[in-house]
Protein backbone atom coordinates (compact mmCIF):
# COMPACT_ATOMS: atom_id res chain seq x y z
CA UNK A 1 86.87 83.10 90.60
CA UNK A 2 85.53 86.16 88.76
CA UNK A 3 82.65 86.51 91.22
CA UNK A 4 85.08 86.28 94.14
CA UNK A 5 87.35 88.96 92.66
CA UNK A 6 84.36 91.24 92.06
CA UNK A 7 83.34 90.83 95.71
CA UNK A 8 86.87 91.63 96.84
CA UNK A 9 86.98 94.67 94.58
CA UNK A 10 83.65 95.87 95.99
CA UNK A 11 84.95 95.40 99.52
CA UNK A 12 88.12 97.24 98.54
CA UNK A 13 86.13 100.18 97.19
CA UNK A 14 84.16 100.40 100.45
CA UNK A 15 87.44 100.30 102.38
CA UNK A 16 88.94 103.11 100.31
CA UNK A 17 85.82 105.26 100.74
CA UNK A 18 85.94 104.65 104.48
CA UNK A 19 89.60 105.69 104.58
CA UNK A 20 88.80 108.86 102.66
CA UNK A 21 85.97 109.70 105.07
CA UNK A 22 88.29 109.13 108.03
CA UNK A 23 90.93 111.37 106.44
CA UNK A 24 88.36 114.11 105.93
CA UNK A 25 87.30 113.96 109.57
CA UNK A 26 90.91 113.92 110.73
CA UNK A 27 92.26 116.71 108.53
CA UNK A 28 89.24 118.97 108.04
CA UNK A 29 87.21 118.63 111.24
CA UNK A 30 89.80 118.01 113.95
CA UNK A 31 92.29 120.49 112.46
CA UNK A 32 91.18 124.04 111.75
CA UNK A 33 92.14 125.77 108.46
CA UNK A 34 93.61 128.67 110.44
CA UNK A 35 96.00 126.30 112.23
CA UNK A 36 97.12 124.75 108.95
CA UNK A 37 97.64 128.18 107.41
CA UNK A 38 99.74 129.43 110.31
CA UNK A 39 101.89 126.29 110.19
CA UNK A 40 102.56 127.00 106.52
CA UNK A 41 103.04 130.78 106.81
CA UNK A 42 104.43 131.06 110.31
CA UNK A 43 102.84 131.87 113.65
CA UNK A 44 103.43 135.61 113.18
CA UNK A 45 101.83 135.80 109.74
CA UNK A 46 99.32 138.67 109.35
CA UNK A 47 95.65 137.79 109.56
CA UNK A 48 95.07 138.97 106.00
CA UNK A 49 97.77 136.62 104.69
CA UNK A 50 96.26 133.73 106.62
CA UNK A 51 92.81 134.42 105.23
CA UNK A 52 94.16 134.69 101.69
CA UNK A 53 96.05 131.39 102.11
CA UNK A 54 92.84 129.68 103.23
CA UNK A 55 90.99 131.02 100.17
CA UNK A 56 93.79 130.01 97.78
CA UNK A 57 93.73 126.42 99.08
CA UNK A 58 89.96 126.11 99.02
CA UNK A 59 89.59 125.75 102.79
CA UNK A 60 87.09 128.60 102.99
CA UNK A 61 84.21 126.60 101.51
CA UNK A 62 81.50 124.88 103.58
CA UNK A 63 82.56 121.48 104.85
CA UNK A 64 79.42 119.42 104.21
CA UNK A 65 76.61 121.48 102.69
CA UNK A 66 76.45 124.46 100.37
CA UNK A 67 72.82 125.53 99.71
CA UNK A 68 73.81 127.55 96.62
CA UNK A 69 76.13 124.96 95.07
CA UNK A 70 75.72 121.53 96.74
CA UNK A 71 78.77 120.11 94.95
CA UNK A 72 81.00 123.01 96.02
CA UNK A 73 81.95 121.71 99.46
CA UNK A 74 85.21 120.56 101.03
CA UNK A 75 83.84 117.02 101.40
CA UNK A 76 82.95 116.66 97.72
CA UNK A 77 86.22 118.26 96.63
CA UNK A 78 88.19 115.94 98.93
CA UNK A 79 86.63 112.79 97.47
CA UNK A 80 86.85 114.11 93.91
CA UNK A 81 90.53 114.95 94.17
CA UNK A 82 91.55 111.67 95.77
CA UNK A 83 89.47 109.42 93.52
CA UNK A 84 90.64 111.18 90.34
CA UNK A 85 94.27 111.37 91.57
CA UNK A 86 94.20 115.16 91.34
CA UNK A 87 96.11 115.69 94.57
CA UNK A 88 96.54 119.42 94.25
CA UNK A 89 99.43 121.38 95.77
CA UNK A 90 101.34 121.04 98.99
CA UNK A 91 100.10 123.05 101.96
CA UNK A 92 103.70 123.86 102.93
CA UNK A 93 105.13 125.35 99.72
CA UNK A 94 102.43 125.03 97.01
CA UNK A 95 104.51 122.54 94.99
CA UNK A 96 102.23 120.13 93.05
CA UNK A 97 102.02 116.88 94.98
CA UNK A 98 101.95 114.81 91.79
CA UNK A 99 105.33 116.32 90.86
CA UNK A 100 106.78 115.27 94.20
CA UNK A 101 105.40 111.77 93.76
CA UNK A 102 107.03 111.47 90.33
CA UNK A 103 110.34 112.71 91.70
CA UNK A 104 110.24 110.43 94.75
CA UNK A 105 109.17 107.14 93.18
CA UNK A 106 112.57 106.55 91.52
CA UNK A 107 114.73 106.92 94.66
CA UNK A 108 112.23 104.84 96.66
CA UNK A 109 112.24 101.94 94.19
CA UNK A 110 116.01 102.07 93.88
CA UNK A 111 116.15 101.32 97.61
CA UNK A 112 113.15 99.06 98.20
CA UNK A 113 113.63 96.75 95.21
CA UNK A 114 117.16 95.61 96.24
CA UNK A 115 115.94 95.27 99.82
CA UNK A 116 113.02 93.11 98.70
CA UNK A 117 115.02 90.87 96.35
CA UNK A 118 117.98 90.36 98.69
CA UNK A 119 115.65 89.66 101.59
CA UNK A 120 114.01 86.85 99.61
CA UNK A 121 117.27 85.44 98.27
CA UNK A 122 118.76 85.27 101.75
CA UNK A 123 115.72 84.68 103.97
CA UNK A 124 114.07 81.68 102.27
CA UNK A 125 117.24 79.58 101.65
CA UNK A 126 118.55 80.24 105.17
CA UNK A 127 115.16 79.36 106.67
CA UNK A 128 115.08 76.16 104.63
CA UNK A 129 118.61 75.31 105.78
CA UNK A 130 117.72 75.84 109.44
CA UNK A 131 114.57 73.74 109.02
CA UNK A 132 116.65 70.99 107.37
CA UNK A 133 118.73 70.75 110.57
CA UNK A 134 115.68 70.99 112.85
CA UNK A 135 116.10 69.91 116.47
CA UNK A 136 119.88 70.15 116.19
CA UNK A 137 122.39 72.65 117.50
CA UNK A 138 122.36 74.40 114.13
CA UNK A 139 118.60 74.88 114.38
CA UNK A 140 118.78 76.16 117.95
CA UNK A 141 121.66 78.51 117.14
CA UNK A 142 119.75 79.82 114.13
CA UNK A 143 116.63 80.50 116.20
CA UNK A 144 118.66 82.30 118.88
CA UNK A 145 120.38 84.41 116.21
CA UNK A 146 117.02 85.32 114.68
CA UNK A 147 115.61 86.36 118.04
CA UNK A 148 118.68 88.51 118.68
CA UNK A 149 118.34 90.16 115.27
CA UNK A 150 114.64 90.82 115.91
CA UNK A 151 115.32 92.25 119.37
CA UNK A 152 117.54 95.07 118.11
CA UNK A 153 115.84 98.28 117.04
CA UNK A 154 116.13 99.30 113.41
CA UNK A 155 117.44 102.67 114.58
CA UNK A 156 120.36 100.93 116.26
CA UNK A 157 121.18 99.09 113.02
CA UNK A 158 121.11 102.40 111.16
CA UNK A 159 123.28 104.25 113.65
CA UNK A 160 125.68 101.33 114.02
CA UNK A 161 125.99 100.88 110.25
CA UNK A 162 126.62 104.58 109.68
CA UNK A 163 129.23 104.70 112.45
CA UNK A 164 131.08 101.49 111.62
CA UNK A 165 130.85 101.23 107.83
CA UNK A 166 130.53 104.93 107.09
CA UNK A 167 132.63 106.79 109.65
CA UNK A 168 135.20 104.26 110.91
CA UNK A 169 135.84 102.07 107.86
CA UNK A 170 134.76 104.73 105.31
CA UNK A 171 133.46 102.10 102.91
CA UNK A 172 130.28 103.99 102.04
CA UNK A 173 128.89 107.54 102.38
CA UNK A 174 126.98 108.03 105.62
CA UNK A 175 124.08 109.69 103.82
CA UNK A 176 123.14 111.30 100.53
CA UNK A 177 121.85 110.30 97.14
CA UNK A 178 123.06 110.70 93.57
CA UNK A 179 121.01 109.19 90.72
CA UNK A 180 124.02 109.00 88.37
CA UNK A 181 124.31 105.28 87.31
CA UNK A 182 127.96 104.97 88.26
CA UNK A 183 127.49 106.54 91.70
CA UNK A 184 124.04 105.52 92.90
CA UNK A 185 125.15 102.04 94.02
CA UNK A 186 127.69 103.55 96.42
CA UNK A 187 125.02 105.64 98.15
CA UNK A 188 122.49 102.79 98.30
CA UNK A 189 124.87 100.06 99.49
CA UNK A 190 124.83 101.04 103.17
CA UNK A 191 121.03 101.47 103.58
CA UNK A 192 120.46 98.21 101.68
CA UNK A 193 122.89 96.32 103.93
CA UNK A 194 121.31 97.80 107.05
CA UNK A 195 117.77 97.12 105.83
CA UNK A 196 118.50 93.50 104.89
CA UNK A 197 120.16 92.74 108.24
CA UNK A 198 117.38 94.47 110.19
CA UNK A 199 114.66 92.39 108.51
CA UNK A 200 116.50 89.08 108.16
CA UNK A 201 115.76 87.73 111.63
CA UNK A 202 112.00 88.12 111.34
CA UNK A 203 111.97 86.65 107.82
CA UNK A 204 114.02 83.57 108.71
CA UNK A 205 112.09 82.94 111.90
CA UNK A 206 108.71 83.05 110.13
CA UNK A 207 109.79 80.97 107.13
CA UNK A 208 111.53 78.42 109.33
CA UNK A 209 108.33 77.94 111.36
CA UNK A 210 106.38 77.32 108.16
CA UNK A 211 108.90 74.79 106.83
CA UNK A 212 109.19 72.90 110.12
CA UNK A 213 105.41 72.65 110.32
CA UNK A 214 105.33 71.20 106.80
CA UNK A 215 107.89 68.52 107.67
CA UNK A 216 105.35 66.92 110.02
CA UNK A 217 102.65 66.54 107.36
CA UNK A 218 101.50 63.18 105.98
CA UNK A 219 102.89 63.77 102.50
CA UNK A 220 106.38 64.18 103.96
CA UNK A 221 106.13 60.90 105.85
CA UNK A 222 104.89 59.24 102.66
CA UNK A 223 107.86 60.60 100.72
CA UNK A 224 110.26 59.27 103.36
CA UNK A 225 108.56 55.87 103.27
CA UNK A 226 109.16 55.76 99.52
CA UNK A 227 112.87 56.33 100.09
CA UNK A 228 113.17 60.00 99.12
CA UNK A 229 116.19 61.77 100.58
CA UNK A 230 115.77 64.55 103.13
CA UNK A 231 117.28 67.17 100.84
CA UNK A 232 114.92 66.19 98.01
CA UNK A 233 111.94 66.32 100.37
CA UNK A 234 112.86 69.81 101.57
CA UNK A 235 113.43 71.22 98.09
CA UNK A 236 110.67 69.55 96.08
CA UNK A 237 107.92 69.10 98.66
CA UNK A 238 108.34 71.24 101.78
CA UNK A 239 109.44 74.37 99.92
CA UNK A 240 106.59 74.22 97.42
CA UNK A 241 103.85 73.46 99.92
CA UNK A 242 105.13 76.08 102.34
CA UNK A 243 104.90 78.85 99.77
CA UNK A 244 101.30 79.87 100.47
CA UNK A 245 101.85 81.45 103.92
CA UNK A 246 105.14 82.90 102.68
CA UNK A 247 103.42 84.33 99.61
CA UNK A 248 101.06 86.19 101.94
CA UNK A 249 103.99 88.22 103.22
CA UNK A 250 105.74 88.53 99.87
CA UNK A 251 102.87 89.60 97.62
CA UNK A 252 101.32 92.03 100.10
CA UNK A 253 104.73 93.70 100.46
CA UNK A 254 105.12 94.30 96.71
CA UNK A 255 102.72 97.29 96.40
CA UNK A 256 104.37 98.98 99.36
CA UNK A 257 107.69 99.02 97.54
CA UNK A 258 106.33 102.15 95.89
CA UNK A 259 105.78 104.02 99.17
CA UNK A 260 109.41 103.74 100.21
CA UNK A 261 111.05 103.12 103.57
CA UNK A 262 110.44 105.97 105.99
CA UNK A 263 113.29 105.27 108.42
CA UNK A 264 115.98 104.37 105.91
CA UNK A 265 115.18 107.25 103.58
CA UNK A 266 115.09 109.76 106.42
CA UNK A 267 118.35 108.71 108.07
CA UNK A 268 120.29 108.16 104.84
CA UNK A 269 119.06 111.28 103.05
CA UNK A 270 117.32 109.49 100.18
CA UNK A 271 114.67 111.79 98.60
CA UNK A 272 112.03 109.10 98.17
CA UNK A 273 108.36 108.90 99.08
CA UNK A 274 109.15 107.84 102.64
CA UNK A 275 111.24 110.97 103.11
CA UNK A 276 108.42 113.04 101.59
CA UNK A 277 106.04 111.61 104.19
CA UNK A 278 108.37 112.52 107.05
CA UNK A 279 108.85 116.04 105.70
CA UNK A 280 105.07 116.43 105.42
CA UNK A 281 104.63 115.35 109.06
CA UNK A 282 107.26 117.82 110.25
CA UNK A 283 105.73 120.65 108.22
CA UNK A 284 102.10 119.79 109.06
CA UNK A 285 101.53 119.47 105.31
CA UNK A 286 98.04 117.96 105.50
CA UNK A 287 97.53 117.85 101.72
CA UNK A 288 100.62 115.70 101.20
CA UNK A 289 99.90 113.56 104.26
CA UNK A 290 96.39 112.67 103.23
CA UNK A 291 97.67 111.85 99.74
CA UNK A 292 100.31 109.46 101.10
CA UNK A 293 97.80 107.78 103.43
CA UNK A 294 95.35 107.37 100.55
CA UNK A 295 98.02 105.85 98.31
CA UNK A 296 99.09 103.50 101.10
CA UNK A 297 95.52 102.29 101.67
CA UNK A 298 94.99 101.84 97.93
CA UNK A 299 98.16 99.77 97.63
CA UNK A 300 97.11 97.70 100.65
CA UNK A 301 93.82 96.76 98.99
CA UNK A 302 95.64 95.89 95.76
CA UNK A 303 98.10 93.78 97.74
CA UNK A 304 95.30 91.83 99.41
CA UNK A 305 93.72 90.98 96.06
CA UNK A 306 97.07 90.02 94.52
CA UNK A 307 97.73 87.76 97.50
CA UNK A 308 94.50 85.84 96.90
CA UNK A 309 95.29 85.45 93.21
CA UNK A 310 98.82 84.25 93.98
CA UNK A 311 97.41 81.40 96.08
CA UNK A 312 95.84 79.85 92.99
CA UNK A 313 99.12 80.17 91.09
CA UNK A 314 101.18 78.57 93.86
CA UNK A 315 98.74 75.74 94.57
CA UNK A 316 96.27 74.59 91.87
CA UNK A 317 94.13 73.00 94.59
CA UNK A 318 93.15 76.44 95.89
CA UNK A 319 89.93 77.78 94.42
CA UNK A 320 88.63 81.31 94.93
CA UNK A 321 84.89 81.03 95.51
């Protein structure tokens, strides 16, 4: 298992380096420093101010090769900053990116953690219930409902939830965020409800397919032949053996809880990491954007490794070799 994990870590390192090289090409070769400076300062900024901005942000150095100081290049600085988590300052307003990350992680987790937990608590039991009544009207109605939920855009859920629950019924604020313990739940209730409903159809549909497939396996027929009840079979056998494909979705989603939900944070005014990403896109803040892409790729690699490890925990028969 150790050798397998070392190979996966090595592959992950190569992946991260490839992502960093792609980001350098995208942000430092395709885009010109003058364009980035004018986006930050304004199109009518004086040429002297633009040149000074480029110098202050280190964009005046050679990109690949500096004959006087080989290590003093934009490529080396880019890799050094990302790999040491020294993300520097924002291109838009010179605020330290690490400060924004610290400020945004709390609001993001306060939204994504309830979404994640409620999605599991609702999705898996409902999928198991639908699979229990497979090939019946309950099963068919459940599948149709899931397809309908999946067919509706998340934007429509957001707009509909804000209009119905926020404006008409006035149960929750339409948008905003307040970290005060007694108030935060009121601001998060609506985006959590919308997020859970938007993702429930896909979750139930996938889990139901896994459970129904498991009911046709030999061990299930053996359990029935021994006189085990259908409910016992579903809970003790089908659920446990169907966890591996479900774990693939669950474990790989855990690291991305830290990057926030772009749509929900943007539309509900939650100042999390997803909202920071959207603001960086709108402001052409390349320094923040490349940081968020790097963090996302790093979390993806970590999620892949955690998924492999979780297989061995869910099923002792699985060996990582």
